[in-house]
Every structure is written in C-alpha cells, then in structure tokens.
C-alpha cells in the first residue's frame, strides 16, 4: 500500500518549549493542550469555550498570552493562544489553523515534507506591510515577526 500524507504537522516552540501541532485548514487560530500550556508556563487570562474538536460539543478552556512563538527561523512576540483544558487535542499537542499564516504565502512541498512561508507580494498601490502571526482570529496584527536566526 502506498504511503500518502493524511495531514501536516508543525514543530513550534512556545516560550522555548517544543510542541507538535496539526495544521488544520478548517480551524482558526492556535489551540494547544493544557499540558503544552503548563510546560510553556502560560497562565489563564480569561475562561472560554472551545468548539469544533471532534463531535463532543463545547469544551472548557482559557485564553493565554505567549511571550514567544517560534516556527522554523521565524519568531513572533506577544501572541494570543487558546488552551483546551484537555491534556491533548486530537492526539497531538494542539491545532494550528492556516489562517494563522494569513500574512504569508504558504507553499506545501510534499516530496520534501516541508512547509515554506514566504512574503506575500504587495497589493497594487499598497506598500509592503510587516508580517504577523494571526493567532487570534479577531486580531489581524498580533505579534510582529523577526528572523530568529539573525541579529
């Protein structure tokens, strides 16, 4: 039987703690498990309900601020994440919606098992804007990006 990818996962670092997140085009924002939040030292800012995980209905959770999220060589500061009260989310550390990367051109390289984030070309008659990580579906300007591999 041929092997075909059934999904994409990303290794990200939240406050320098590694997590494996499933990339989900049907999700919005960044949802992590309670275990990842505890490892990363996150504290609840507000209680919330989490929807859309399997067929179990609403689940309890909270919103928290992350000082640093690193994806590859990019690092984002002061980002909002949603935390499920569960120890795991669909068998992983969490889920990241593709809308999180709405400031980027996303290229999926299946043969090399890599996801590339590139700069979007500017729209006609607009200046290029700073790239951001959209971790809160209601806020398009959370966390400015910098290249973590350089000065």
C-alpha atoms as a PDB file:
ATOM      1  CA  UNK A   1       0.000   0.000   0.000  1.00  0.00           C
ATOM      2  CA  UNK A   2       1.375   3.438  -0.961  1.00  0.00           C
ATOM      3  CA  UNK A   3       2.036   5.969   1.756  1.00  0.00           C
ATOM      4  CA  UNK A   4       0.163   9.241   1.394  1.00  0.00           C
ATOM      5  CA  UNK A   5       0.211  12.084   3.866  1.00  0.00           C
ATOM      6  CA  UNK A   6      -3.013  12.383   5.805  1.00  0.00           C
ATOM      7  CA  UNK A   7      -2.127  15.732   7.306  1.00  0.00           C
ATOM      8  CA  UNK A   8       0.584  18.215   8.104  1.00  0.00           C
ATOM      9  CA  UNK A   9       2.171  18.759  11.469  1.00  0.00           C
ATOM     10  CA  UNK A  10       4.445  21.571  12.598  1.00  0.00           C
ATOM     11  CA  UNK A  11       7.040  21.679  15.329  1.00  0.00           C
ATOM     12  CA  UNK A  12       6.714  25.027  17.052  1.00  0.00           C
ATOM     13  CA  UNK A  13       8.280  26.461  20.183  1.00  0.00           C
ATOM     14  CA  UNK A  14       6.104  28.308  22.689  1.00  0.00           C
ATOM     15  CA  UNK A  15       8.336  30.151  25.177  1.00  0.00           C
ATOM     16  CA  UNK A  16      11.160  27.809  24.060  1.00  0.00           C
ATOM     17  CA  UNK A  17       9.119  24.638  24.761  1.00  0.00           C
ATOM     18  CA  UNK A  18       8.526  22.366  21.760  1.00  0.00           C
ATOM     19  CA  UNK A  19       5.045  21.330  20.656  1.00  0.00           C
ATOM     20  CA  UNK A  20       3.733  19.357  17.667  1.00  0.00           C
ATOM     21  CA  UNK A  21       0.650  20.979  16.167  1.00  0.00           C
ATOM     22  CA  UNK A  22      -1.640  19.599  13.467  1.00  0.00           C
ATOM     23  CA  UNK A  23      -2.169  22.044  10.580  1.00  0.00           C
ATOM     24  CA  UNK A  24      -5.922  22.313  10.021  1.00  0.00           C
ATOM     25  CA  UNK A  25      -7.378  24.468   7.241  1.00  0.00           C
ATOM     26  CA  UNK A  26     -10.791  24.235   8.926  1.00  0.00           C
ATOM     27  CA  UNK A  27      -9.543  25.676  12.230  1.00  0.00           C
ATOM     28  CA  UNK A  28      -8.958  29.261  13.187  1.00  0.00           C
ATOM     29  CA  UNK A  29      -6.143  30.497  15.380  1.00  0.00           C
ATOM     30  CA  UNK A  30      -3.914  28.383  17.573  1.00  0.00           C
ATOM     31  CA  UNK A  31      -5.305  25.851  20.059  1.00  0.00           C
ATOM     32  CA  UNK A  32      -2.997  23.989  22.422  1.00  0.00           C
ATOM     33  CA  UNK A  33      -3.498  21.410  25.142  1.00  0.00           C
ATOM     34  CA  UNK A  34      -3.339  22.142  28.854  1.00  0.00           C
ATOM     35  CA  UNK A  35      -0.148  20.059  29.065  1.00  0.00           C
ATOM     36  CA  UNK A  36       1.619  22.286  26.500  1.00  0.00           C
ATOM     37  CA  UNK A  37       0.388  25.426  28.288  1.00  0.00           C
ATOM     38  CA  UNK A  38       1.761  24.123  31.599  1.00  0.00           C
ATOM     39  CA  UNK A  39       5.143  23.225  30.015  1.00  0.00           C
ATOM     40  CA  UNK A  40       5.300  26.702  28.452  1.00  0.00           C
ATOM     41  CA  UNK A  41       4.430  28.489  31.689  1.00  0.00           C
ATOM     42  CA  UNK A  42       1.195  30.023  30.362  1.00  0.00           C
ATOM     43  CA  UNK A  43      -1.356  31.489  32.748  1.00  0.00           C
ATOM     44  CA  UNK A  44      -5.091  31.894  32.025  1.00  0.00           C
ATOM     45  CA  UNK A  45      -6.102  35.431  31.029  1.00  0.00           C
ATOM     46  CA  UNK A  46      -9.799  34.592  30.535  1.00  0.00           C
ATOM     47  CA  UNK A  47     -12.007  31.479  30.521  1.00  0.00           C
ATOM     48  CA  UNK A  48     -13.574  30.434  27.203  1.00  0.00           C
ATOM     49  CA  UNK A  49     -15.383  27.612  25.432  1.00  0.00           C
ATOM     50  CA  UNK A  50     -13.608  25.614  22.719  1.00  0.00           C
ATOM     51  CA  UNK A  51     -15.728  24.356  19.797  1.00  0.00           C
ATOM     52  CA  UNK A  52     -15.135  22.113  16.801  1.00  0.00           C
ATOM     53  CA  UNK A  53     -12.924  19.403  18.269  1.00  0.00           C
ATOM     54  CA  UNK A  54     -14.402  16.115  17.155  1.00  0.00           C
ATOM     55  CA  UNK A  55     -18.107  15.639  17.808  1.00  0.00           C
ATOM     56  CA  UNK A  56     -18.087  16.295  21.553  1.00  0.00           C
ATOM     57  CA  UNK A  57     -19.552  19.815  21.517  1.00  0.00           C
ATOM     58  CA  UNK A  58     -18.234  22.689  23.595  1.00  0.00           C
ATOM     59  CA  UNK A  59     -15.259  22.089  25.855  1.00  0.00           C
ATOM     60  CA  UNK A  60     -13.820  24.296  28.552  1.00  0.00           C
ATOM     61  CA  UNK A  61     -10.581  26.188  28.105  1.00  0.00           C
ATOM     62  CA  UNK A  62      -8.881  29.539  28.510  1.00  0.00           C
ATOM     63  CA  UNK A  63      -7.081  32.245  26.574  1.00  0.00           C
ATOM     64  CA  UNK A  64      -3.411  32.982  27.344  1.00  0.00           C
ATOM     65  CA  UNK A  65      -0.569  35.207  26.125  1.00  0.00           C
ATOM     66  CA  UNK A  66       2.633  33.595  24.835  1.00  0.00           C
ATOM     67  CA  UNK A  67       5.786  35.701  25.050  1.00  0.00           C
ATOM     68  CA  UNK A  68       7.381  33.941  22.063  1.00  0.00           C
ATOM     69  CA  UNK A  69       6.252  31.539  19.348  1.00  0.00           C
ATOM     70  CA  UNK A  70       8.955  30.200  17.030  1.00  0.00           C
ATOM     71  CA  UNK A  71       8.134  28.461  13.751  1.00  0.00           C
ATOM     72  CA  UNK A  72      11.300  27.478  11.871  1.00  0.00           C
ATOM     73  CA  UNK A  73      13.551  30.545  11.765  1.00  0.00           C
ATOM     74  CA  UNK A  74      10.677  32.982  12.429  1.00  0.00           C
ATOM     75  CA  UNK A  75       9.874  34.209  15.907  1.00  0.00           C
ATOM     76  CA  UNK A  76       6.704  36.054  16.929  1.00  0.00           C
ATOM     77  CA  UNK A  77       6.262  38.051  20.142  1.00  0.00           C
ATOM     78  CA  UNK A  78       3.228  38.525  22.420  1.00  0.00           C
ATOM     79  CA  UNK A  79       0.712  36.201  20.750  1.00  0.00           C
ATOM     80  CA  UNK A  80      -2.684  35.041  21.955  1.00  0.00           C
ATOM     81  CA  UNK A  81      -3.486  31.309  22.078  1.00  0.00           C
ATOM     82  CA  UNK A  82      -6.495  29.294  23.161  1.00  0.00           C
ATOM     83  CA  UNK A  83      -5.846  26.462  25.605  1.00  0.00           C
ATOM     84  CA  UNK A  84      -8.060  23.398  25.935  1.00  0.00           C
ATOM     85  CA  UNK A  85      -8.500  22.054  29.453  1.00  0.00           C
ATOM     86  CA  UNK A  86      -7.715  18.621  27.986  1.00  0.00           C
ATOM     87  CA  UNK A  87      -4.230  17.091  28.229  1.00  0.00           C
ATOM     88  CA  UNK A  88      -4.172  16.570  24.435  1.00  0.00           C
ATOM     89  CA  UNK A  89      -6.049  17.785  21.369  1.00  0.00           C
ATOM     90  CA  UNK A  90      -6.955  15.106  18.772  1.00  0.00           C
ATOM     91  CA  UNK A  91      -3.953  13.021  19.827  1.00  0.00           C
ATOM     92  CA  UNK A  92      -1.456  15.891  19.407  1.00  0.00           C
ATOM     93  CA  UNK A  93      -0.227  18.902  21.351  1.00  0.00           C
ATOM     94  CA  UNK A  94      -2.646  21.171  19.517  1.00  0.00           C
ATOM     95  CA  UNK A  95      -4.014  22.518  16.261  1.00  0.00           C
ATOM     96  CA  UNK A  96      -2.898  25.478  14.171  1.00  0.00           C
ATOM     97  CA  UNK A  97      -5.277  26.952  11.600  1.00  0.00           C
ATOM     98  CA  UNK A  98      -3.885  28.035   8.248  1.00  0.00           C
ATOM     99  CA  UNK A  99      -5.375  31.495   8.904  1.00  0.00           C
ATOM    100  CA  UNK A 100      -2.560  31.935  11.432  1.00  0.00           C
ATOM    101  CA  UNK A 101      -0.286  32.341   8.406  1.00  0.00           C
ATOM    102  CA  UNK A 102      -2.587  34.740   6.529  1.00  0.00           C
ATOM    103  CA  UNK A 103       0.285  37.239   6.187  1.00  0.00           C
ATOM    104  CA  UNK A 104       2.354  34.682   4.287  1.00  0.00           C
ATOM    105  CA  UNK A 105       2.423  32.823   1.012  1.00  0.00           C
ATOM    106  CA  UNK A 106       2.246  29.154   2.049  1.00  0.00           C
ATOM    107  CA  UNK A 107       3.921  26.507  -0.116  1.00  0.00           C
ATOM    108  CA  UNK A 108       3.499  22.837   0.787  1.00  0.00           C
ATOM    109  CA  UNK A 109       6.393  20.744  -0.543  1.00  0.00           C
ATOM    110  CA  UNK A 110       5.041  17.199  -0.334  1.00  0.00           C
ATOM    111  CA  UNK A 111       8.137  15.376  -1.707  1.00  0.00           C
ATOM    112  CA  UNK A 112      10.389  17.081   0.870  1.00  0.00           C
ATOM    113  CA  UNK A 113       7.769  17.067   3.681  1.00  0.00           C
ATOM    114  CA  UNK A 114       8.244  20.794   4.237  1.00  0.00           C
ATOM    115  CA  UNK A 115       6.070  23.843   4.529  1.00  0.00           C
ATOM    116  CA  UNK A 116       7.592  27.110   3.306  1.00  0.00           C
ATOM    117  CA  UNK A 117       6.381  30.527   4.410  1.00  0.00           C
ATOM    118  CA  UNK A 118       7.195  33.334   2.004  1.00  0.00           C
ATOM    119  CA  UNK A 119       6.454  37.008   1.830  1.00  0.00           C
ATOM    120  CA  UNK A 120       3.203  37.895   0.102  1.00  0.00           C
ATOM    121  CA  UNK A 121       3.612  40.290  -2.806  1.00  0.00           C
ATOM    122  CA  UNK A 122       2.167  43.735  -2.048  1.00  0.00           C
ATOM    123  CA  UNK A 123      -1.268  44.520  -3.437  1.00  0.00           C
ATOM    124  CA  UNK A 124      -1.400  47.088  -6.224  1.00  0.00           C
ATOM    125  CA  UNK A 125      -0.928  50.636  -4.881  1.00  0.00           C
ATOM    126  CA  UNK A 126      -0.083  49.378  -1.359  1.00  0.00           C
ATOM    127  CA  UNK A 127       3.228  49.354   0.464  1.00  0.00           C
ATOM    128  CA  UNK A 128       4.528  46.057   1.825  1.00  0.00           C
ATOM    129  CA  UNK A 129       3.397  45.501   5.421  1.00  0.00           C
ATOM    130  CA  UNK A 130       5.074  43.776   8.349  1.00  0.00           C
ATOM    131  CA  UNK A 131       4.428  40.054   8.530  1.00  0.00           C
ATOM    132  CA  UNK A 132       2.464  38.869  11.540  1.00  0.00           C
ATOM    133  CA  UNK A 133       1.251  35.634  13.069  1.00  0.00           C
ATOM    134  CA  UNK A 134      -2.550  35.749  13.295  1.00  0.00           C
ATOM    135  CA  UNK A 135      -3.133  33.604  16.383  1.00  0.00           C
ATOM    136  CA  UNK A 136      -6.350  35.344  17.386  1.00  0.00           C
ATOM    137  CA  UNK A 137      -8.966  35.113  14.651  1.00  0.00           C
ATOM    138  CA  UNK A 138     -10.351  38.531  15.600  1.00  0.00           C
ATOM    139  CA  UNK A 139      -6.991  40.365  15.526  1.00  0.00           C
ATOM    140  CA  UNK A 140      -5.017  40.510  12.301  1.00  0.00           C
ATOM    141  CA  UNK A 141      -1.987  42.271  13.808  1.00  0.00           C
ATOM    142  CA  UNK A 142      -0.781  40.069  16.660  1.00  0.00           C
ATOM    143  CA  UNK A 143       2.947  39.555  17.034  1.00  0.00           C
ATOM    144  CA  UNK A 144       5.483  41.080  14.654  1.00  0.00           C
ATOM    145  CA  UNK A 145       7.865  38.629  13.031  1.00  0.00           C
ATOM    146  CA  UNK A 146      11.622  38.650  13.136  1.00  0.00           C
ATOM    147  CA  UNK A 147      14.114  36.177  11.773  1.00  0.00           C
ATOM    148  CA  UNK A 148      15.321  34.209  14.813  1.00  0.00           C
ATOM    149  CA  UNK A 149      18.456  33.041  13.007  1.00  0.00           C
ATOM    150  CA  UNK A 150      19.873  36.546  12.500  1.00  0.00           C
ATOM    151  CA  UNK A 151      20.670  39.599  14.584  1.00  0.00           C
END
